[in-house]
Amino acid sequence: MVPAFIVVALGVDVTQALVVNQVILSFALPIPMVALVLFHAPSGHHGRIRQ
């Protein structure tokens, strides 16, 4: 909550700050997901049905 109070105290347009925050998160969050999929997926099991 402290960062929100700082944004309001600085007089930044809250709507613009929210939009910028969402844009940053939309780029920042998929990067770790891609890394997890690439490094965690077993390379020999793609397309096979496990028995």
Protein backbone atom coordinates (compact mmCIF):
# COMPACT_ATOMS: atom_id res chain seq x y z
CA MET A 1 0.00 0.00 0.00
CA VAL A 2 2.92 2.33 0.51
CA PRO A 3 3.71 2.62 -3.23
CA ALA A 4 0.07 3.54 -3.89
CA PHE A 5 0.24 6.31 -1.30
CA ILE A 6 3.48 7.57 -2.85
CA VAL A 7 1.87 7.73 -6.31
CA VAL A 8 -1.10 9.66 -4.94
CA ALA A 9 1.12 11.95 -2.86
CA LEU A 10 3.26 12.79 -5.90
CA GLY A 11 0.16 13.89 -7.78
CA VAL A 12 0.52 11.34 -10.57
CA ASP A 13 -2.64 10.61 -12.54
CA VAL A 14 -3.84 7.40 -10.90
CA THR A 15 -5.45 6.04 -14.06
CA GLN A 16 -2.29 6.57 -16.08
CA ALA A 17 -0.21 4.94 -13.34
CA LEU A 18 -2.53 1.93 -13.36
CA VAL A 19 -2.32 1.58 -17.14
CA VAL A 20 1.48 1.79 -17.09
CA ASN A 21 1.59 -0.76 -14.29
CA GLN A 22 -0.57 -3.21 -16.24
CA VAL A 23 1.56 -2.81 -19.37
CA ILE A 24 4.74 -3.50 -17.39
CA LEU A 25 3.19 -6.55 -15.75
CA SER A 26 1.91 -7.89 -19.07
CA PHE A 27 5.52 -8.01 -20.30
CA ALA A 28 7.21 -8.97 -17.04
CA LEU A 29 5.02 -11.91 -15.98
CA PRO A 30 5.25 -14.11 -19.11
CA ILE A 31 9.06 -14.08 -19.11
CA PRO A 32 9.42 -16.33 -16.01
CA MET A 33 6.62 -18.55 -17.33
CA VAL A 34 8.45 -19.13 -20.62
CA ALA A 35 11.65 -19.87 -18.74
CA LEU A 36 9.85 -22.40 -16.53
CA VAL A 37 8.34 -24.18 -19.51
CA LEU A 38 11.61 -24.29 -21.44
CA PHE A 39 13.82 -25.43 -18.59
CA HIS A 40 11.40 -27.74 -16.78
CA ALA A 41 9.80 -29.63 -19.67
CA PRO A 42 11.36 -33.03 -20.30
CA SER A 43 12.86 -33.05 -23.78
CA GLY A 44 12.08 -36.67 -24.61
CA HIS A 45 8.38 -36.71 -23.76
CA HIS A 46 6.93 -34.13 -26.15
CA GLY A 47 4.04 -35.60 -28.10
CA ARG A 48 4.09 -39.00 -26.37
CA ILE A 49 1.39 -40.46 -24.20
CA ARG A 50 2.72 -41.53 -20.84
CA GLN A 51 1.81 -45.01 -19.71
